[in-house]
Amino acid sequence: MLQPAAFAVRSRISYRRPWSGVERDVQYHQTTVSVPPHATLIAFADGLVERRGEVLDVGLERLRHAAVEQHLGLDDLLSKITRDLRTEDHRDDTAIVGIQWQA
C-alpha cells in the first residue's frame, strides 16, 4: 500500500504469480514504481487484514481507512494501523513494515 503526500491511498495487489515459496521454478519479474516525495509505503502480511468469514476486500478497506491519517510520522502511523485493525478474536500472525520517504 502506498500513501502519497496527498493522503489518497493507493494499493497495488497482483495475483499474477504465486507468492514466494508457494511453487518451485516460478520466474518473477522486477517492477519499478515512482514514489512521490513524502510518500509512505506499507507492506504487510495477510494476517493484518484477513478475518475468518469475511471477504478480503473488507479488511483491505479497513486498512485503507486506518492508513489515511494526515501528518503522522511512520511510528505513529504504524501504531495507529495496528490499534485500529486489532480485534479480541484475531488469532492470525501479523507483520507490518513501513518506509516513509523524507523528500
C-alpha atoms as a PDB file:
ATOM      1  CA  MET A   1       0.000   0.000   0.000  1.00  0.00           C
ATOM      2  CA  LEU A   2       1.406   3.372  -0.991  1.00  0.00           C
ATOM      3  CA  GLN A   3       0.257   6.523   0.744  1.00  0.00           C
ATOM      4  CA  PRO A   4       1.192   9.615  -1.296  1.00  0.00           C
ATOM      5  CA  ALA A   5       1.665  13.015   0.299  1.00  0.00           C
ATOM      6  CA  ALA A   6      -1.866  13.972  -0.785  1.00  0.00           C
ATOM      7  CA  PHE A   7      -3.125  11.161   1.519  1.00  0.00           C
ATOM      8  CA  ALA A   8      -5.078   9.406  -1.194  1.00  0.00           C
ATOM      9  CA  VAL A   9      -4.205   5.798  -0.502  1.00  0.00           C
ATOM     10  CA  ARG A  10      -3.423   3.518  -3.410  1.00  0.00           C
ATOM     11  CA  SER A  11      -2.886  -0.190  -3.200  1.00  0.00           C
ATOM     12  CA  ARG A  12      -1.273  -2.494  -5.680  1.00  0.00           C
ATOM     13  CA  ILE A  13      -2.187  -6.134  -5.408  1.00  0.00           C
ATOM     14  CA  SER A  14      -1.190  -8.592  -8.080  1.00  0.00           C
ATOM     15  CA  TYR A  15      -2.122 -12.235  -8.145  1.00  0.00           C
ATOM     16  CA  ARG A  16      -0.496 -12.965 -11.498  1.00  0.00           C
ATOM     17  CA  ARG A  17       2.234 -15.068  -9.899  1.00  0.00           C
ATOM     18  CA  PRO A  18       2.192 -17.342  -6.844  1.00  0.00           C
ATOM     19  CA  TRP A  19       3.614 -15.913  -3.648  1.00  0.00           C
ATOM     20  CA  SER A  20       7.258 -16.587  -2.977  1.00  0.00           C
ATOM     21  CA  GLY A  21       7.798 -20.100  -1.671  1.00  0.00           C
ATOM     22  CA  VAL A  22       4.450 -21.485  -2.872  1.00  0.00           C
ATOM     23  CA  GLU A  23       5.750 -23.089  -6.059  1.00  0.00           C
ATOM     24  CA  ARG A  24       9.184 -24.035  -7.316  1.00  0.00           C
ATOM     25  CA  ASP A  25      10.696 -22.877 -10.601  1.00  0.00           C
ATOM     26  CA  VAL A  26       8.497 -19.771 -10.898  1.00  0.00           C
ATOM     27  CA  GLN A  27      10.015 -16.796 -12.688  1.00  0.00           C
ATOM     28  CA  TYR A  28       9.420 -13.439 -11.006  1.00  0.00           C
ATOM     29  CA  HIS A  29       9.854 -10.110 -12.744  1.00  0.00           C
ATOM     30  CA  GLN A  30      11.232  -6.867 -11.354  1.00  0.00           C
ATOM     31  CA  THR A  31       8.911  -3.861 -11.238  1.00  0.00           C
ATOM     32  CA  THR A  32       9.801  -0.199 -10.733  1.00  0.00           C
ATOM     33  CA  VAL A  33       7.332   2.242  -9.190  1.00  0.00           C
ATOM     34  CA  SER A  34       7.826   6.017  -8.967  1.00  0.00           C
ATOM     35  CA  VAL A  35       7.224   7.301  -5.464  1.00  0.00           C
ATOM     36  CA  PRO A  36       6.156  10.894  -4.791  1.00  0.00           C
ATOM     37  CA  PRO A  37       8.002  12.965  -2.161  1.00  0.00           C
ATOM     38  CA  HIS A  38       6.967  12.275   1.450  1.00  0.00           C
ATOM     39  CA  ALA A  39       5.132   9.082   0.489  1.00  0.00           C
ATOM     40  CA  THR A  40       4.724   6.157   2.861  1.00  0.00           C
ATOM     41  CA  LEU A  41       4.923   2.541   1.758  1.00  0.00           C
ATOM     42  CA  ILE A  42       3.236  -0.011   3.998  1.00  0.00           C
ATOM     43  CA  ALA A  43       3.955  -3.696   3.441  1.00  0.00           C
ATOM     44  CA  PHE A  44       2.021  -6.259   5.424  1.00  0.00           C
ATOM     45  CA  ALA A  45       1.255  -9.939   5.810  1.00  0.00           C
ATOM     46  CA  ASP A  46      -2.247 -11.219   5.205  1.00  0.00           C
ATOM     47  CA  GLY A  47      -2.871 -11.614   8.944  1.00  0.00           C
ATOM     48  CA  LEU A  48      -3.197  -7.847   9.256  1.00  0.00           C
ATOM     49  CA  VAL A  49      -6.284  -7.679   7.033  1.00  0.00           C
ATOM     50  CA  GLU A  50      -7.804 -11.172   6.813  1.00  0.00           C
ATOM     51  CA  ARG A  51     -10.589 -12.191   9.175  1.00  0.00           C
ATOM     52  CA  ARG A  52     -12.328 -15.559   9.254  1.00  0.00           C
ATOM     53  CA  GLY A  53     -15.681 -15.439   7.472  1.00  0.00           C
ATOM     54  CA  GLU A  54     -15.014 -12.003   5.960  1.00  0.00           C
ATOM     55  CA  VAL A  55     -14.345 -11.042   2.345  1.00  0.00           C
ATOM     56  CA  LEU A  56     -10.716  -9.884   1.895  1.00  0.00           C
ATOM     57  CA  ASP A  57     -11.853  -6.564   0.384  1.00  0.00           C
ATOM     58  CA  VAL A  58     -13.465  -5.626   3.704  1.00  0.00           C
ATOM     59  CA  GLY A  59     -10.136  -5.985   5.523  1.00  0.00           C
ATOM     60  CA  LEU A  60      -8.261  -4.094   2.815  1.00  0.00           C
ATOM     61  CA  GLU A  61     -10.773  -1.249   3.049  1.00  0.00           C
ATOM     62  CA  ARG A  62     -10.347  -1.217   6.840  1.00  0.00           C
ATOM     63  CA  LEU A  63      -6.581  -0.852   6.302  1.00  0.00           C
ATOM     64  CA  ARG A  64      -7.059   1.950   3.746  1.00  0.00           C
ATOM     65  CA  HIS A  65      -9.280   3.811   6.204  1.00  0.00           C
ATOM     66  CA  ALA A  66      -6.766   3.405   9.045  1.00  0.00           C
ATOM     67  CA  ALA A  67      -3.832   4.497   6.846  1.00  0.00           C
ATOM     68  CA  VAL A  68      -5.374   7.788   5.761  1.00  0.00           C
ATOM     69  CA  GLU A  69      -4.175   9.955   8.600  1.00  0.00           C
ATOM     70  CA  GLN A  70      -2.602  13.289   7.868  1.00  0.00           C
ATOM     71  CA  HIS A  71       0.706  14.407   9.342  1.00  0.00           C
ATOM     72  CA  LEU A  72       1.643  11.250  11.237  1.00  0.00           C
ATOM     73  CA  GLY A  73       5.211  10.083  11.438  1.00  0.00           C
ATOM     74  CA  LEU A  74       5.919   6.494  10.491  1.00  0.00           C
ATOM     75  CA  ASP A  75       5.991   5.089  14.031  1.00  0.00           C
ATOM     76  CA  ASP A  76       2.708   6.780  14.928  1.00  0.00           C
ATOM     77  CA  LEU A  77       1.066   5.667  11.667  1.00  0.00           C
ATOM     78  CA  LEU A  78       2.071   2.020  12.126  1.00  0.00           C
ATOM     79  CA  SER A  79       0.902   2.123  15.752  1.00  0.00           C
ATOM     80  CA  LYS A  80      -2.445   3.583  14.676  1.00  0.00           C
ATOM     81  CA  ILE A  81      -2.929   0.946  11.975  1.00  0.00           C
ATOM     82  CA  THR A  82      -2.082  -1.839  14.409  1.00  0.00           C
ATOM     83  CA  ARG A  83      -4.511  -0.459  17.035  1.00  0.00           C
ATOM     84  CA  ASP A  84      -7.315   0.120  14.518  1.00  0.00           C
ATOM     85  CA  LEU A  85      -7.090  -3.366  12.974  1.00  0.00           C
ATOM     86  CA  ARG A  86      -6.638  -5.367  16.189  1.00  0.00           C
ATOM     87  CA  THR A  87      -9.592  -7.386  17.491  1.00  0.00           C
ATOM     88  CA  GLU A  88     -10.003  -9.655  20.525  1.00  0.00           C
ATOM     89  CA  ASP A  89     -10.770 -12.772  18.455  1.00  0.00           C
ATOM     90  CA  HIS A  90      -7.930 -12.266  15.944  1.00  0.00           C
ATOM     91  CA  ARG A  91      -5.529 -15.219  16.157  1.00  0.00           C
ATOM     92  CA  ASP A  92      -3.551 -14.961  12.891  1.00  0.00           C
ATOM     93  CA  ASP A  93       0.070 -13.824  12.915  1.00  0.00           C
ATOM     94  CA  THR A  94       0.558 -10.255  11.775  1.00  0.00           C
ATOM     95  CA  ALA A  95       3.516  -8.478  10.222  1.00  0.00           C
ATOM     96  CA  ILE A  96       3.724  -4.853   9.117  1.00  0.00           C
ATOM     97  CA  VAL A  97       6.641  -2.708   7.975  1.00  0.00           C
ATOM     98  CA  GLY A  98       6.712   0.842   6.676  1.00  0.00           C
ATOM     99  CA  ILE A  99       9.040   3.121   4.769  1.00  0.00           C
ATOM    100  CA  GLN A 100       8.483   6.875   4.764  1.00  0.00           C
ATOM    101  CA  TRP A 101      10.400   8.998   2.281  1.00  0.00           C
ATOM    102  CA  GLN A 102      11.686  12.287   3.637  1.00  0.00           C
ATOM    103  CA  ALA A 103      11.916  14.001   0.261  1.00  0.00           C
END
